[in-house]
N, C-alpha and C. Protein backbone atom coordinates (compact mmCIF):
# COMPACT_ATOMS: atom_id res chain seq x y z
N UNK A 1 -19.28 0.48 -4.22
CA UNK A 1 -17.95 0.15 -4.67
C UNK A 1 -17.92 0.33 -6.18
N UNK A 2 -16.94 1.06 -6.65
CA UNK A 2 -16.83 1.30 -8.08
C UNK A 2 -15.43 0.99 -8.57
N UNK A 3 -15.36 0.67 -9.83
CA UNK A 3 -14.11 0.39 -10.49
C UNK A 3 -14.03 1.33 -11.67
N UNK A 4 -13.02 2.17 -11.72
CA UNK A 4 -12.88 3.16 -12.77
C UNK A 4 -11.61 2.88 -13.55
N UNK A 5 -11.75 2.58 -14.84
CA UNK A 5 -10.58 2.41 -15.69
C UNK A 5 -10.07 3.79 -16.08
N UNK A 6 -8.79 4.00 -15.96
CA UNK A 6 -8.21 5.28 -16.34
C UNK A 6 -7.95 5.27 -17.84
N UNK A 7 -8.41 6.29 -18.53
CA UNK A 7 -8.36 6.31 -19.99
C UNK A 7 -6.95 6.10 -20.52
N UNK A 8 -6.86 5.28 -21.57
CA UNK A 8 -5.59 4.98 -22.24
C UNK A 8 -4.50 4.56 -21.26
N UNK A 9 -4.89 3.79 -20.26
CA UNK A 9 -3.93 3.38 -19.24
C UNK A 9 -4.26 1.96 -18.79
N UNK A 10 -3.23 1.19 -18.43
CA UNK A 10 -3.49 -0.14 -17.89
C UNK A 10 -3.87 -0.10 -16.41
N UNK A 11 -4.13 1.10 -15.89
CA UNK A 11 -4.43 1.27 -14.47
C UNK A 11 -5.91 1.47 -14.24
N UNK A 12 -6.31 1.19 -12.99
CA UNK A 12 -7.69 1.47 -12.61
C UNK A 12 -7.74 1.94 -11.17
N UNK A 13 -8.83 2.59 -10.85
CA UNK A 13 -9.10 3.08 -9.51
C UNK A 13 -10.21 2.21 -8.93
N UNK A 14 -9.98 1.65 -7.75
CA UNK A 14 -10.94 0.77 -7.11
C UNK A 14 -11.43 1.45 -5.85
N UNK A 15 -12.66 1.96 -5.87
CA UNK A 15 -13.23 2.69 -4.74
C UNK A 15 -14.04 1.76 -3.86
N UNK A 16 -13.63 1.63 -2.61
CA UNK A 16 -14.39 0.87 -1.63
C UNK A 16 -15.22 1.86 -0.82
N UNK A 17 -16.46 1.49 -0.54
CA UNK A 17 -17.30 2.35 0.28
C UNK A 17 -18.24 1.52 1.13
N UNK A 18 -18.90 2.19 2.06
CA UNK A 18 -19.85 1.51 2.92
C UNK A 18 -19.18 0.51 3.84
N UNK A 19 -19.94 -0.50 4.24
CA UNK A 19 -19.45 -1.54 5.14
C UNK A 19 -18.60 -2.55 4.38
N UNK A 20 -17.43 -2.83 4.89
CA UNK A 20 -16.54 -3.83 4.33
C UNK A 20 -16.20 -4.79 5.47
N UNK A 21 -17.13 -5.69 5.70
CA UNK A 21 -17.01 -6.64 6.82
C UNK A 21 -17.11 -8.07 6.29
N UNK A 22 -16.96 -9.02 7.18
CA UNK A 22 -17.04 -10.42 6.79
C UNK A 22 -18.36 -10.72 6.07
N UNK A 23 -19.41 -10.01 6.40
CA UNK A 23 -20.71 -10.23 5.76
C UNK A 23 -20.80 -9.64 4.36
N UNK A 24 -19.97 -8.66 4.04
CA UNK A 24 -20.09 -7.96 2.76
C UNK A 24 -18.85 -8.04 1.88
N UNK A 25 -17.76 -8.58 2.40
CA UNK A 25 -16.47 -8.51 1.71
C UNK A 25 -16.42 -9.32 0.42
N UNK A 26 -17.30 -10.31 0.28
CA UNK A 26 -17.29 -11.15 -0.92
C UNK A 26 -17.47 -10.33 -2.20
N UNK A 27 -18.34 -9.33 -2.16
CA UNK A 27 -18.56 -8.48 -3.34
C UNK A 27 -17.29 -7.72 -3.70
N UNK A 28 -16.60 -7.19 -2.69
CA UNK A 28 -15.35 -6.48 -2.95
C UNK A 28 -14.30 -7.44 -3.51
N UNK A 29 -14.25 -8.64 -2.97
CA UNK A 29 -13.30 -9.64 -3.46
C UNK A 29 -13.54 -9.94 -4.93
N UNK A 30 -14.78 -10.17 -5.30
CA UNK A 30 -15.10 -10.50 -6.70
C UNK A 30 -14.72 -9.36 -7.64
N UNK A 31 -15.02 -8.13 -7.24
CA UNK A 31 -14.68 -6.97 -8.08
C UNK A 31 -13.17 -6.79 -8.18
N UNK A 32 -12.47 -7.04 -7.09
CA UNK A 32 -11.03 -6.88 -7.08
C UNK A 32 -10.35 -7.95 -7.93
N UNK A 33 -10.85 -9.16 -7.90
CA UNK A 33 -10.31 -10.23 -8.76
C UNK A 33 -10.48 -9.84 -10.22
N UNK A 34 -11.64 -9.32 -10.58
CA UNK A 34 -11.89 -8.87 -11.95
C UNK A 34 -10.94 -7.73 -12.32
N UNK A 35 -10.78 -6.77 -11.44
CA UNK A 35 -9.88 -5.65 -11.70
C UNK A 35 -8.45 -6.12 -11.92
N UNK A 36 -8.02 -7.07 -11.12
CA UNK A 36 -6.65 -7.56 -11.26
C UNK A 36 -6.46 -8.34 -12.55
N UNK A 37 -7.50 -9.00 -13.02
CA UNK A 37 -7.39 -9.73 -14.28
C UNK A 37 -7.33 -8.79 -15.48
N UNK A 38 -7.95 -7.63 -15.35
CA UNK A 38 -8.08 -6.72 -16.49
C UNK A 38 -7.07 -5.57 -16.50
N UNK A 39 -6.39 -5.33 -15.39
CA UNK A 39 -5.52 -4.16 -15.28
C UNK A 39 -4.16 -4.52 -14.72
N UNK A 40 -3.17 -3.74 -15.11
CA UNK A 40 -1.81 -3.93 -14.65
C UNK A 40 -1.57 -3.25 -13.30
N UNK A 41 -2.30 -2.19 -13.06
CA UNK A 41 -2.11 -1.41 -11.85
C UNK A 41 -3.46 -1.03 -11.25
N UNK A 42 -3.59 -1.21 -9.95
CA UNK A 42 -4.84 -0.92 -9.25
C UNK A 42 -4.53 -0.04 -8.05
N UNK A 43 -5.29 1.03 -7.94
CA UNK A 43 -5.16 1.93 -6.80
C UNK A 43 -6.45 1.85 -6.00
N UNK A 44 -6.33 1.44 -4.73
CA UNK A 44 -7.49 1.25 -3.87
C UNK A 44 -7.74 2.51 -3.04
N UNK A 45 -8.99 2.95 -3.06
CA UNK A 45 -9.43 4.10 -2.26
C UNK A 45 -10.34 3.58 -1.17
N UNK A 46 -9.97 3.83 0.08
CA UNK A 46 -10.74 3.32 1.23
C UNK A 46 -11.42 4.43 2.03
N UNK A 47 -11.28 5.68 1.62
CA UNK A 47 -11.76 6.78 2.46
C UNK A 47 -13.27 6.83 2.62
N UNK A 48 -14.04 6.12 1.80
CA UNK A 48 -15.50 6.11 1.93
C UNK A 48 -16.02 4.87 2.67
N UNK A 49 -15.11 4.06 3.20
CA UNK A 49 -15.52 2.89 3.98
C UNK A 49 -16.05 3.38 5.32
N UNK A 50 -17.26 2.96 5.66
CA UNK A 50 -17.90 3.42 6.89
C UNK A 50 -17.77 2.43 8.04
N UNK A 51 -17.53 1.17 7.70
CA UNK A 51 -17.40 0.12 8.72
C UNK A 51 -16.51 -0.96 8.12
N UNK A 52 -15.63 -1.52 8.94
CA UNK A 52 -14.76 -2.59 8.44
C UNK A 52 -14.37 -3.49 9.60
N UNK A 53 -13.85 -4.65 9.23
CA UNK A 53 -13.25 -5.55 10.20
C UNK A 53 -11.99 -6.11 9.56
N UNK A 54 -11.41 -7.11 10.18
CA UNK A 54 -10.15 -7.65 9.65
C UNK A 54 -10.28 -8.25 8.26
N UNK A 55 -11.49 -8.57 7.84
CA UNK A 55 -11.64 -9.14 6.50
C UNK A 55 -11.22 -8.14 5.43
N UNK A 56 -11.41 -6.85 5.65
CA UNK A 56 -10.94 -5.85 4.69
C UNK A 56 -9.42 -5.85 4.63
N UNK A 57 -8.78 -5.87 5.78
CA UNK A 57 -7.32 -5.89 5.83
C UNK A 57 -6.79 -7.16 5.17
N UNK A 58 -7.42 -8.31 5.45
CA UNK A 58 -7.00 -9.57 4.84
C UNK A 58 -7.17 -9.53 3.32
N UNK A 59 -8.26 -8.96 2.85
CA UNK A 59 -8.50 -8.85 1.41
C UNK A 59 -7.40 -8.03 0.74
N UNK A 60 -7.09 -6.89 1.31
CA UNK A 60 -6.07 -6.02 0.72
C UNK A 60 -4.70 -6.68 0.73
N UNK A 61 -4.36 -7.34 1.83
CA UNK A 61 -3.05 -8.02 1.90
C UNK A 61 -2.99 -9.15 0.87
N UNK A 62 -4.03 -9.95 0.77
CA UNK A 62 -4.05 -11.05 -0.21
C UNK A 62 -3.97 -10.50 -1.63
N UNK A 63 -4.69 -9.43 -1.90
CA UNK A 63 -4.66 -8.83 -3.24
C UNK A 63 -3.27 -8.28 -3.56
N UNK A 64 -2.63 -7.66 -2.58
CA UNK A 64 -1.28 -7.12 -2.78
C UNK A 64 -0.30 -8.26 -3.08
N UNK A 65 -0.39 -9.33 -2.35
CA UNK A 65 0.51 -10.47 -2.60
C UNK A 65 0.24 -11.09 -3.97
N UNK A 66 -1.01 -11.21 -4.34
CA UNK A 66 -1.36 -11.75 -5.67
C UNK A 66 -0.84 -10.83 -6.77
N UNK A 67 -1.00 -9.54 -6.58
CA UNK A 67 -0.50 -8.58 -7.58
C UNK A 67 1.01 -8.69 -7.71
N UNK A 68 1.71 -8.76 -6.59
CA UNK A 68 3.17 -8.88 -6.61
C UNK A 68 3.60 -10.13 -7.38
N UNK A 69 2.94 -11.26 -7.10
CA UNK A 69 3.29 -12.51 -7.78
C UNK A 69 3.03 -12.44 -9.29
N UNK A 70 2.01 -11.66 -9.68
CA UNK A 70 1.65 -11.55 -11.09
C UNK A 70 2.41 -10.43 -11.80
N UNK A 71 3.31 -9.76 -11.09
CA UNK A 71 4.05 -8.66 -11.69
C UNK A 71 3.21 -7.41 -11.90
N UNK A 72 2.15 -7.28 -11.10
CA UNK A 72 1.26 -6.13 -11.20
C UNK A 72 1.46 -5.24 -9.98
N UNK A 73 0.83 -4.08 -10.01
CA UNK A 73 0.97 -3.11 -8.93
C UNK A 73 -0.37 -2.88 -8.26
N UNK A 74 -0.38 -2.97 -6.94
CA UNK A 74 -1.57 -2.64 -6.16
C UNK A 74 -1.12 -1.68 -5.07
N UNK A 75 -1.73 -0.51 -5.03
CA UNK A 75 -1.37 0.50 -4.05
C UNK A 75 -2.62 1.06 -3.37
N UNK A 76 -2.39 1.72 -2.25
CA UNK A 76 -3.46 2.48 -1.61
C UNK A 76 -3.36 3.91 -2.10
N UNK A 77 -4.50 4.56 -2.29
CA UNK A 77 -4.51 5.93 -2.76
C UNK A 77 -3.97 6.90 -1.71
N UNK A 78 -4.22 6.57 -0.46
CA UNK A 78 -3.77 7.43 0.62
C UNK A 78 -3.34 6.57 1.79
N UNK A 79 -2.50 7.11 2.65
CA UNK A 79 -2.07 6.34 3.82
C UNK A 79 -3.26 5.99 4.71
N UNK A 80 -3.18 4.85 5.36
CA UNK A 80 -4.21 4.46 6.31
C UNK A 80 -4.22 5.44 7.47
N UNK A 81 -5.41 5.88 7.84
CA UNK A 81 -5.55 6.82 8.95
C UNK A 81 -6.70 6.38 9.85
N UNK A 82 -6.86 7.06 10.96
CA UNK A 82 -8.01 6.85 11.84
C UNK A 82 -8.14 5.42 12.32
N UNK A 83 -9.39 4.92 12.27
CA UNK A 83 -9.68 3.57 12.77
C UNK A 83 -8.92 2.49 12.01
N UNK A 84 -8.74 2.68 10.70
CA UNK A 84 -8.01 1.68 9.92
C UNK A 84 -6.57 1.61 10.41
N UNK A 85 -5.93 2.73 10.57
CA UNK A 85 -4.54 2.73 11.04
C UNK A 85 -4.45 2.12 12.44
N UNK A 86 -5.38 2.48 13.31
CA UNK A 86 -5.37 1.93 14.67
C UNK A 86 -5.54 0.41 14.64
N UNK A 87 -6.42 -0.08 13.79
CA UNK A 87 -6.63 -1.53 13.67
C UNK A 87 -5.39 -2.22 13.14
N UNK A 88 -4.75 -1.63 12.16
CA UNK A 88 -3.51 -2.19 11.61
C UNK A 88 -2.42 -2.26 12.67
N UNK A 89 -2.32 -1.22 13.46
CA UNK A 89 -1.31 -1.17 14.51
C UNK A 89 -1.59 -2.22 15.59
N UNK A 90 -2.85 -2.28 16.05
CA UNK A 90 -3.21 -3.25 17.10
C UNK A 90 -3.02 -4.68 16.63
N UNK A 91 -3.27 -4.95 15.36
CA UNK A 91 -3.15 -6.31 14.83
C UNK A 91 -1.71 -6.66 14.43
N UNK A 92 -0.80 -5.70 14.52
CA UNK A 92 0.61 -5.96 14.24
C UNK A 92 1.01 -5.82 12.78
N UNK A 93 0.13 -5.33 11.94
CA UNK A 93 0.46 -5.22 10.52
C UNK A 93 1.46 -4.10 10.23
N UNK A 94 1.51 -3.09 11.05
CA UNK A 94 2.46 -2.00 10.82
C UNK A 94 3.86 -2.39 11.26
N UNK A 95 3.98 -3.46 12.02
CA UNK A 95 5.29 -3.92 12.47
C UNK A 95 5.91 -4.92 11.50
N UNK A 96 5.19 -5.29 10.44
CA UNK A 96 5.73 -6.25 9.47
C UNK A 96 6.97 -5.65 8.82
N UNK A 97 7.81 -6.50 8.34
CA UNK A 97 9.07 -6.07 7.74
C UNK A 97 8.82 -5.17 6.54
N UNK A 98 9.71 -4.20 6.35
CA UNK A 98 9.62 -3.31 5.20
C UNK A 98 9.64 -4.14 3.93
N UNK A 99 8.77 -3.79 3.00
CA UNK A 99 8.70 -4.51 1.74
C UNK A 99 7.66 -5.61 1.73
N UNK A 100 7.19 -6.04 2.90
CA UNK A 100 6.15 -7.05 2.94
C UNK A 100 4.81 -6.41 2.63
N UNK A 101 3.91 -7.18 2.06
CA UNK A 101 2.60 -6.68 1.68
C UNK A 101 1.84 -6.08 2.84
N UNK A 102 2.04 -6.60 4.03
CA UNK A 102 1.32 -6.10 5.19
C UNK A 102 2.11 -5.08 5.98
N UNK A 103 3.21 -4.63 5.48
CA UNK A 103 4.09 -3.75 6.24
C UNK A 103 3.73 -2.29 6.20
N UNK A 104 4.40 -1.56 7.07
CA UNK A 104 4.18 -0.13 7.23
C UNK A 104 4.34 0.63 5.92
N UNK A 105 5.34 0.28 5.11
CA UNK A 105 5.58 1.00 3.86
C UNK A 105 4.36 0.94 2.94
N UNK A 106 3.66 -0.17 2.92
CA UNK A 106 2.47 -0.30 2.08
C UNK A 106 1.31 0.50 2.65
N UNK A 107 0.99 0.30 3.91
CA UNK A 107 -0.19 0.91 4.52
C UNK A 107 -0.05 2.40 4.76
N UNK A 108 1.15 2.87 5.05
CA UNK A 108 1.31 4.28 5.38
C UNK A 108 1.90 5.11 4.25
N UNK A 109 2.31 4.49 3.19
CA UNK A 109 2.79 5.19 1.99
C UNK A 109 3.81 6.27 2.31
N UNK A 110 4.74 5.97 3.20
CA UNK A 110 5.79 6.92 3.51
C UNK A 110 5.42 7.98 4.53
N UNK A 111 4.19 7.94 5.05
CA UNK A 111 3.80 8.90 6.09
C UNK A 111 4.57 8.59 7.36
N UNK A 112 4.65 9.55 8.25
CA UNK A 112 5.35 9.33 9.52
C UNK A 112 4.74 8.14 10.24
N UNK A 113 5.59 7.25 10.70
CA UNK A 113 5.13 6.00 11.32
C UNK A 113 4.37 6.24 12.61
N UNK A 114 4.69 7.17 13.39
CA UNK A 114 4.00 7.38 14.67
C UNK A 114 3.52 8.79 14.82
């Protein structure tokens, strides 16, 4: 997992990789809290995640809500695809109301819903 500050910008890139499960998510949480304290805008990259469970989804939703409350921006670099998208759909996160942190607009970034 890496955190890259974008030069001369209040933004950063937060790369998640490897396993992001209940056993490992604490490290991602700590890095994300630090990123949110230091940057106005955070873009999360999940394409290198090899294993995940609902704790990853919960972390991202909580971070998005915290960013919104703090007047900051948290986005995904790319729409959720594959197993992540299937998990979001099965858990009902894609059915959340538009504009909600857990909703389709956040996770799919305007990609076709179905």
